[in-house]
Amino acid sequence: APPSEPRERVIVKQVAKSGVGMGSALAIAISWSVNK
């Protein structure tokens, strides 16, 4: 089988995806509370 990706890269990709989602959710919550 072809060698798999190193574990560190997979973890970084998952954290980056979570960070983007969390930032958007937080921005939406703040925006709604301020502007309705």
All heavy atoms as atom14 arrays in JSON, in Angstrom:
{
  "sequence": "APPSEPRERVIVKQVAKSGVGMGSALAIAISWSVNK",
  "atom14_mask": [
    [1, 1, 1, 1, 1, 0, 0, 0, 0, 0, 0, 0, 0, 0],
    [1, 1, 1, 1, 1, 1, 1, 0, 0, 0, 0, 0, 0, 0],
    [1, 1, 1, 1, 1, 1, 1, 0, 0, 0, 0, 0, 0, 0],
    [1, 1, 1, 1, 1, 1, 0, 0, 0, 0, 0, 0, 0, 0],
    [1, 1, 1, 1, 1, 1, 1, 1, 1, 0, 0, 0, 0, 0],
    [1, 1, 1, 1, 1, 1, 1, 0, 0, 0, 0, 0, 0, 0],
    [1, 1, 1, 1, 1, 1, 1, 1, 1, 1, 1, 0, 0, 0],
    [1, 1, 1, 1, 1, 1, 1, 1, 1, 0, 0, 0, 0, 0],
    [1, 1, 1, 1, 1, 1, 1, 1, 1, 1, 1, 0, 0, 0],
    [1, 1, 1, 1, 1, 1, 1, 0, 0, 0, 0, 0, 0, 0],
    [1, 1, 1, 1, 1, 1, 1, 1, 0, 0, 0, 0, 0, 0],
    [1, 1, 1, 1, 1, 1, 1, 0, 0, 0, 0, 0, 0, 0],
    [1, 1, 1, 1, 1, 1, 1, 1, 1, 0, 0, 0, 0, 0],
    [1, 1, 1, 1, 1, 1, 1, 1, 1, 0, 0, 0, 0, 0],
    [1, 1, 1, 1, 1, 1, 1, 0, 0, 0, 0, 0, 0, 0],
    [1, 1, 1, 1, 1, 0, 0, 0, 0, 0, 0, 0, 0, 0],
    [1, 1, 1, 1, 1, 1, 1, 1, 1, 0, 0, 0, 0, 0],
    [1, 1, 1, 1, 1, 1, 0, 0, 0, 0, 0, 0, 0, 0],
    [1, 1, 1, 1, 0, 0, 0, 0, 0, 0, 0, 0, 0, 0],
    [1, 1, 1, 1, 1, 1, 1, 0, 0, 0, 0, 0, 0, 0],
    [1, 1, 1, 1, 0, 0, 0, 0, 0, 0, 0, 0, 0, 0],
    [1, 1, 1, 1, 1, 1, 1, 1, 0, 0, 0, 0, 0, 0],
    [1, 1, 1, 1, 0, 0, 0, 0, 0, 0, 0, 0, 0, 0],
    [1, 1, 1, 1, 1, 1, 0, 0, 0, 0, 0, 0, 0, 0],
    [1, 1, 1, 1, 1, 0, 0, 0, 0, 0, 0, 0, 0, 0],
    [1, 1, 1, 1, 1, 1, 1, 1, 0, 0, 0, 0, 0, 0],
    [1, 1, 1, 1, 1, 0, 0, 0, 0, 0, 0, 0, 0, 0],
    [1, 1, 1, 1, 1, 1, 1, 1, 0, 0, 0, 0, 0, 0],
    [1, 1, 1, 1, 1, 0, 0, 0, 0, 0, 0, 0, 0, 0],
    [1, 1, 1, 1, 1, 1, 1, 1, 0, 0, 0, 0, 0, 0],
    [1, 1, 1, 1, 1, 1, 0, 0, 0, 0, 0, 0, 0, 0],
    [1, 1, 1, 1, 1, 1, 1, 1, 1, 1, 1, 1, 1, 1],
    [1, 1, 1, 1, 1, 1, 0, 0, 0, 0, 0, 0, 0, 0],
    [1, 1, 1, 1, 1, 1, 1, 0, 0, 0, 0, 0, 0, 0],
    [1, 1, 1, 1, 1, 1, 1, 1, 0, 0, 0, 0, 0, 0],
    [1, 1, 1, 1, 1, 1, 1, 1, 1, 0, 0, 0, 0, 0]
  ],
  "atom14_positions": [
    [[0.85, -1.19, 0.0], [0.0, 0.0, 0.0], [0.88, 1.23, 0.0], [1.99, 1.21, 0.53], [-0.89, 0.0, 1.23], [0.0, 0.0, 0.0], [0.0, 0.0, 0.0], [0.0, 0.0, 0.0], [0.0, 0.0, 0.0], [0.0, 0.0, 0.0], [0.0, 0.0, 0.0], [0.0, 0.0, 0.0], [0.0, 0.0, 0.0], [0.0, 0.0, 0.0]],
    [[0.4, 2.3, -0.61], [1.19, 3.53, -0.55], [1.28, 4.02, 0.89], [0.37, 3.79, 1.69], [0.4, 4.51, -1.42], [-0.98, 3.95, -1.48], [-0.85, 2.47, -1.31], [0.0, 0.0, 0.0], [0.0, 0.0, 0.0], [0.0, 0.0, 0.0], [0.0, 0.0, 0.0], [0.0, 0.0, 0.0], [0.0, 0.0, 0.0], [0.0, 0.0, 0.0]],
    [[2.39, 4.66, 1.23], [2.52, 5.15, 2.61], [1.45, 6.18, 2.92], [1.08, 7.0, 2.08], [3.91, 5.76, 2.65], [4.29, 5.99, 1.23], [3.52, 5.0, 0.41], [0.0, 0.0, 0.0], [0.0, 0.0, 0.0], [0.0, 0.0, 0.0], [0.0, 0.0, 0.0], [0.0, 0.0, 0.0], [0.0, 0.0, 0.0], [0.0, 0.0, 0.0]],
    [[0.92, 6.11, 4.12], [-0.12, 7.06, 4.51], [0.52, 8.37, 4.95], [1.72, 8.45, 5.19], [-0.96, 6.5, 5.66], [-0.14, 6.26, 6.77], [0.0, 0.0, 0.0], [0.0, 0.0, 0.0], [0.0, 0.0, 0.0], [0.0, 0.0, 0.0], [0.0, 0.0, 0.0], [0.0, 0.0, 0.0], [0.0, 0.0, 0.0], [0.0, 0.0, 0.0]],
    [[-0.32, 9.4, 5.05], [0.18, 10.71, 5.49], [0.66, 10.62, 6.93], [0.09, 9.87, 7.72], [-0.94, 11.75, 5.42], [-1.31, 12.15, 4.04], [-2.3, 13.31, 4.04], [-2.48, 13.96, 5.08], [-2.89, 13.57, 2.99], [0.0, 0.0, 0.0], [0.0, 0.0, 0.0], [0.0, 0.0, 0.0], [0.0, 0.0, 0.0], [0.0, 0.0, 0.0]],
    [[1.67, 11.4, 7.26], [2.07, 11.42, 8.67], [0.93, 11.9, 9.56], [0.1, 12.72, 9.14], [3.21, 12.44, 8.7], [3.68, 12.54, 7.28], [2.5, 12.22, 6.43], [0.0, 0.0, 0.0], [0.0, 0.0, 0.0], [0.0, 0.0, 0.0], [0.0, 0.0, 0.0], [0.0, 0.0, 0.0], [0.0, 0.0, 0.0], [0.0, 0.0, 0.0]],
    [[0.87, 11.4, 10.77], [-0.22, 11.7, 11.69], [-0.32, 13.2, 11.99], [-1.41, 13.72, 12.15], [-0.02, 10.91, 12.97], [-1.14, 11.05, 13.94], [-0.96, 10.03, 15.06], [-1.94, 10.22, 16.09], [-3.16, 9.74, 16.09], [-3.56, 9.02, 15.06], [-3.98, 9.95, 17.08], [0.0, 0.0, 0.0], [0.0, 0.0, 0.0], [0.0, 0.0, 0.0]],
    [[0.78, 13.9, 12.04], [0.77, 15.33, 12.38], [-0.03, 16.13, 11.37], [-0.76, 17.03, 11.72], [2.19, 15.9, 12.47], [3.02, 15.33, 13.59], [3.64, 13.97, 13.25], [3.77, 13.65, 12.04], [3.96, 13.22, 14.18], [0.0, 0.0, 0.0], [0.0, 0.0, 0.0], [0.0, 0.0, 0.0], [0.0, 0.0, 0.0], [0.0, 0.0, 0.0]],
    [[0.07, 15.82, 10.12], [-0.65, 16.56, 9.09], [-2.15, 16.37, 9.22], [-2.91, 17.29, 9.03], [-0.2, 16.12, 7.7], [1.17, 16.6, 7.35], [1.5, 16.27, 5.94], [2.86, 16.65, 5.62], [3.44, 16.4, 4.48], [2.79, 15.74, 3.53], [4.66, 16.77, 4.26], [0.0, 0.0, 0.0], [0.0, 0.0, 0.0], [0.0, 0.0, 0.0]],
    [[-2.56, 15.17, 9.54], [-3.98, 14.89, 9.69], [-4.55, 15.68, 10.85], [-5.61, 16.29, 10.76], [-4.22, 13.38, 9.89], [-5.68, 13.1, 10.2], [-3.77, 12.61, 8.65], [0.0, 0.0, 0.0], [0.0, 0.0, 0.0], [0.0, 0.0, 0.0], [0.0, 0.0, 0.0], [0.0, 0.0, 0.0], [0.0, 0.0, 0.0], [0.0, 0.0, 0.0]],
    [[-3.84, 15.73, 11.96], [-4.3, 16.47, 13.14], [-4.38, 17.96, 12.84], [-5.36, 18.61, 13.21], [-3.37, 16.18, 14.34], [-3.53, 14.72, 14.78], [-3.67, 17.13, 15.49], [-2.53, 14.28, 15.8], [0.0, 0.0, 0.0], [0.0, 0.0, 0.0], [0.0, 0.0, 0.0], [0.0, 0.0, 0.0], [0.0, 0.0, 0.0], [0.0, 0.0, 0.0]],
    [[-3.41, 18.5, 12.16], [-3.41, 19.93, 11.84], [-4.6, 20.26, 10.94], [-5.27, 21.27, 11.14], [-2.08, 20.34, 11.17], [-2.17, 21.74, 10.59], [-0.94, 20.26, 12.17], [0.0, 0.0, 0.0], [0.0, 0.0, 0.0], [0.0, 0.0, 0.0], [0.0, 0.0, 0.0], [0.0, 0.0, 0.0], [0.0, 0.0, 0.0], [0.0, 0.0, 0.0]],
    [[-4.9, 19.44, 9.97], [-6.04, 19.68, 9.09], [-7.34, 19.67, 9.87], [-8.22, 20.49, 9.63], [-6.09, 18.63, 7.97], [-5.02, 18.8, 6.92], [-5.14, 17.73, 5.86], [-4.03, 17.83, 4.84], [-4.11, 16.75, 3.85], [0.0, 0.0, 0.0], [0.0, 0.0, 0.0], [0.0, 0.0, 0.0], [0.0, 0.0, 0.0], [0.0, 0.0, 0.0]],
    [[-7.48, 18.75, 10.82], [-8.69, 18.67, 11.62], [-8.83, 19.9, 12.5], [-9.91, 20.46, 12.64], [-8.7, 17.41, 12.47], [-8.9, 16.15, 11.66], [-8.75, 14.89, 12.49], [-8.3, 14.94, 13.62], [-9.11, 13.78, 11.9], [0.0, 0.0, 0.0], [0.0, 0.0, 0.0], [0.0, 0.0, 0.0], [0.0, 0.0, 0.0], [0.0, 0.0, 0.0]],
    [[-7.74, 20.37, 13.1], [-7.79, 21.56, 13.94], [-8.12, 22.78, 13.11], [-8.91, 23.62, 13.52], [-6.44, 21.74, 14.69], [-6.38, 23.08, 15.38], [-6.25, 20.61, 15.7], [0.0, 0.0, 0.0], [0.0, 0.0, 0.0], [0.0, 0.0, 0.0], [0.0, 0.0, 0.0], [0.0, 0.0, 0.0], [0.0, 0.0, 0.0], [0.0, 0.0, 0.0]],
    [[-7.55, 22.89, 11.94], [-7.82, 24.04, 11.08], [-9.29, 24.06, 10.67], [-9.92, 25.12, 10.68], [-6.93, 24.0, 9.84], [0.0, 0.0, 0.0], [0.0, 0.0, 0.0], [0.0, 0.0, 0.0], [0.0, 0.0, 0.0], [0.0, 0.0, 0.0], [0.0, 0.0, 0.0], [0.0, 0.0, 0.0], [0.0, 0.0, 0.0], [0.0, 0.0, 0.0]],
    [[-9.85, 22.93, 10.34], [-11.27, 22.88, 9.98], [-12.14, 23.26, 11.16], [-13.11, 23.98, 11.03], [-11.64, 21.49, 9.48], [-11.11, 21.17, 8.12], [-11.52, 19.78, 7.69], [-10.93, 19.43, 6.35], [-11.27, 18.06, 5.96], [0.0, 0.0, 0.0], [0.0, 0.0, 0.0], [0.0, 0.0, 0.0], [0.0, 0.0, 0.0], [0.0, 0.0, 0.0]],
    [[-11.79, 22.8, 12.34], [-12.56, 23.14, 13.53], [-12.44, 24.63, 13.84], [-13.41, 25.26, 14.25], [-12.07, 22.34, 14.73], [-12.24, 20.97, 14.51], [0.0, 0.0, 0.0], [0.0, 0.0, 0.0], [0.0, 0.0, 0.0], [0.0, 0.0, 0.0], [0.0, 0.0, 0.0], [0.0, 0.0, 0.0], [0.0, 0.0, 0.0], [0.0, 0.0, 0.0]],
    [[-11.28, 25.2, 13.65], [-11.07, 26.61, 13.91], [-11.9, 27.49, 13.01], [-12.46, 28.49, 13.44], [0.0, 0.0, 0.0], [0.0, 0.0, 0.0], [0.0, 0.0, 0.0], [0.0, 0.0, 0.0], [0.0, 0.0, 0.0], [0.0, 0.0, 0.0], [0.0, 0.0, 0.0], [0.0, 0.0, 0.0], [0.0, 0.0, 0.0], [0.0, 0.0, 0.0]],
    [[-12.0, 27.14, 11.76], [-12.8, 27.92, 10.83], [-14.27, 27.85, 11.22], [-14.97, 28.85, 11.25], [-12.58, 27.43, 9.38], [-13.59, 28.07, 8.44], [-11.18, 27.75, 8.93], [0.0, 0.0, 0.0], [0.0, 0.0, 0.0], [0.0, 0.0, 0.0], [0.0, 0.0, 0.0], [0.0, 0.0, 0.0], [0.0, 0.0, 0.0], [0.0, 0.0, 0.0]],
    [[-14.75, 26.7, 11.56], [-16.15, 26.54, 11.96], [-16.46, 27.28, 13.24], [-17.49, 27.92, 13.37], [0.0, 0.0, 0.0], [0.0, 0.0, 0.0], [0.0, 0.0, 0.0], [0.0, 0.0, 0.0], [0.0, 0.0, 0.0], [0.0, 0.0, 0.0], [0.0, 0.0, 0.0], [0.0, 0.0, 0.0], [0.0, 0.0, 0.0], [0.0, 0.0, 0.0]],
    [[-15.55, 27.21, 14.19], [-15.74, 27.88, 15.47], [-15.72, 29.4, 15.29], [-16.53, 30.1, 15.89], [-14.64, 27.45, 16.44], [-14.72, 28.08, 17.78], [-16.18, 27.52, 18.65], [-15.9, 28.25, 20.22], [0.0, 0.0, 0.0], [0.0, 0.0, 0.0], [0.0, 0.0, 0.0], [0.0, 0.0, 0.0], [0.0, 0.0, 0.0], [0.0, 0.0, 0.0]],
    [[-14.84, 29.9, 14.45], [-14.78, 31.34, 14.2], [-16.04, 31.86, 13.55], [-16.56, 32.91, 13.91], [0.0, 0.0, 0.0], [0.0, 0.0, 0.0], [0.0, 0.0, 0.0], [0.0, 0.0, 0.0], [0.0, 0.0, 0.0], [0.0, 0.0, 0.0], [0.0, 0.0, 0.0], [0.0, 0.0, 0.0], [0.0, 0.0, 0.0], [0.0, 0.0, 0.0]],
    [[-16.56, 31.1, 12.6], [-17.8, 31.51, 11.93], [-18.98, 31.48, 12.89], [-19.8, 32.4, 12.9], [-18.08, 30.59, 10.74], [-17.1, 30.76, 9.76], [0.0, 0.0, 0.0], [0.0, 0.0, 0.0], [0.0, 0.0, 0.0], [0.0, 0.0, 0.0], [0.0, 0.0, 0.0], [0.0, 0.0, 0.0], [0.0, 0.0, 0.0], [0.0, 0.0, 0.0]],
    [[-19.06, 30.42, 13.69], [-20.16, 30.31, 14.65], [-20.11, 31.44, 15.68], [-21.14, 32.04, 16.02], [-20.11, 28.96, 15.35], [0.0, 0.0, 0.0], [0.0, 0.0, 0.0], [0.0, 0.0, 0.0], [0.0, 0.0, 0.0], [0.0, 0.0, 0.0], [0.0, 0.0, 0.0], [0.0, 0.0, 0.0], [0.0, 0.0, 0.0], [0.0, 0.0, 0.0]],
    [[-18.93, 31.75, 16.16], [-18.78, 32.83, 17.13], [-19.12, 34.18, 16.51], [-19.81, 35.01, 17.13], [-17.35, 32.84, 17.67], [-17.05, 33.77, 18.83], [-17.97, 33.47, 20.01], [-15.6, 33.62, 19.25], [0.0, 0.0, 0.0], [0.0, 0.0, 0.0], [0.0, 0.0, 0.0], [0.0, 0.0, 0.0], [0.0, 0.0, 0.0], [0.0, 0.0, 0.0]],
    [[-18.69, 34.4, 15.28], [-19.0, 35.65, 14.58], [-20.5, 35.8, 14.37], [-21.06, 36.89, 14.57], [-18.27, 35.7, 13.24], [0.0, 0.0, 0.0], [0.0, 0.0, 0.0], [0.0, 0.0, 0.0], [0.0, 0.0, 0.0], [0.0, 0.0, 0.0], [0.0, 0.0, 0.0], [0.0, 0.0, 0.0], [0.0, 0.0, 0.0], [0.0, 0.0, 0.0]],
    [[-21.17, 34.72, 14.02], [-22.62, 34.77, 13.82], [-23.33, 35.08, 15.13], [-24.25, 35.9, 15.18], [-23.12, 33.45, 13.2], [-22.64, 33.35, 11.75], [-24.64, 33.34, 13.27], [-22.84, 31.99, 11.12], [0.0, 0.0, 0.0], [0.0, 0.0, 0.0], [0.0, 0.0, 0.0], [0.0, 0.0, 0.0], [0.0, 0.0, 0.0], [0.0, 0.0, 0.0]],
    [[-22.89, 34.44, 16.21], [-23.53, 34.67, 17.51], [-23.34, 36.12, 17.97], [-24.28, 36.76, 18.45], [-22.96, 33.71, 18.54], [0.0, 0.0, 0.0], [0.0, 0.0, 0.0], [0.0, 0.0, 0.0], [0.0, 0.0, 0.0], [0.0, 0.0, 0.0], [0.0, 0.0, 0.0], [0.0, 0.0, 0.0], [0.0, 0.0, 0.0], [0.0, 0.0, 0.0]],
    [[-22.14, 36.64, 17.82], [-21.87, 38.03, 18.21], [-22.69, 38.98, 17.35], [-23.31, 39.92, 17.86], [-20.36, 38.36, 18.1], [-19.57, 37.58, 19.15], [-20.11, 39.85, 18.24], [-18.06, 37.67, 18.96], [0.0, 0.0, 0.0], [0.0, 0.0, 0.0], [0.0, 0.0, 0.0], [0.0, 0.0, 0.0], [0.0, 0.0, 0.0], [0.0, 0.0, 0.0]],
    [[-22.67, 38.74, 16.04], [-23.39, 39.6, 15.12], [-24.89, 39.61, 15.43], [-25.52, 40.67, 15.43], [-23.16, 39.15, 13.68], [-23.87, 39.97, 12.79], [0.0, 0.0, 0.0], [0.0, 0.0, 0.0], [0.0, 0.0, 0.0], [0.0, 0.0, 0.0], [0.0, 0.0, 0.0], [0.0, 0.0, 0.0], [0.0, 0.0, 0.0], [0.0, 0.0, 0.0]],
    [[-25.45, 38.45, 15.72], [-26.88, 38.37, 16.03], [-27.2, 39.13, 17.31], [-28.18, 39.85, 17.4], [-27.35, 36.93, 16.13], [-28.79, 36.85, 16.46], [-29.33, 36.56, 17.67], [-29.89, 37.13, 15.6], [-30.7, 36.62, 17.61], [-31.07, 36.97, 16.34], [-30.0, 37.49, 14.26], [-32.34, 37.16, 15.79], [-31.25, 37.68, 13.73], [-32.4, 37.52, 14.48]],
    [[-26.34, 38.98, 18.33], [-26.6, 39.66, 19.6], [-26.48, 41.17, 19.48], [-27.17, 41.91, 20.18], [-25.66, 39.15, 20.69], [-24.34, 39.54, 20.44], [0.0, 0.0, 0.0], [0.0, 0.0, 0.0], [0.0, 0.0, 0.0], [0.0, 0.0, 0.0], [0.0, 0.0, 0.0], [0.0, 0.0, 0.0], [0.0, 0.0, 0.0], [0.0, 0.0, 0.0]],
    [[-25.65, 41.65, 18.58], [-25.45, 43.09, 18.4], [-26.47, 43.68, 17.44], [-27.1, 44.7, 17.73], [-24.02, 43.39, 17.89], [-23.86, 44.85, 17.51], [-23.0, 43.0, 18.94], [0.0, 0.0, 0.0], [0.0, 0.0, 0.0], [0.0, 0.0, 0.0], [0.0, 0.0, 0.0], [0.0, 0.0, 0.0], [0.0, 0.0, 0.0], [0.0, 0.0, 0.0]],
    [[-26.7, 43.03, 16.3], [-27.5, 43.63, 15.22], [-28.91, 43.07, 15.08], [-29.76, 43.72, 14.48], [-26.78, 43.43, 13.87], [-25.42, 44.07, 13.87], [-25.25, 45.2, 14.3], [-24.43, 43.34, 13.38], [0.0, 0.0, 0.0], [0.0, 0.0, 0.0], [0.0, 0.0, 0.0], [0.0, 0.0, 0.0], [0.0, 0.0, 0.0], [0.0, 0.0, 0.0]],
    [[-29.17, 41.86, 15.54], [-30.47, 41.2, 15.37], [-30.88, 41.15, 13.9], [-32.02, 41.37, 13.55], [-31.57, 41.89, 16.18], [-31.3, 41.96, 17.66], [-31.45, 40.61, 18.32], [-31.48, 40.73, 19.82], [-30.25, 40.4, 20.48], [0.0, 0.0, 0.0], [0.0, 0.0, 0.0], [0.0, 0.0, 0.0], [0.0, 0.0, 0.0], [0.0, 0.0, 0.0]]
  ]
}
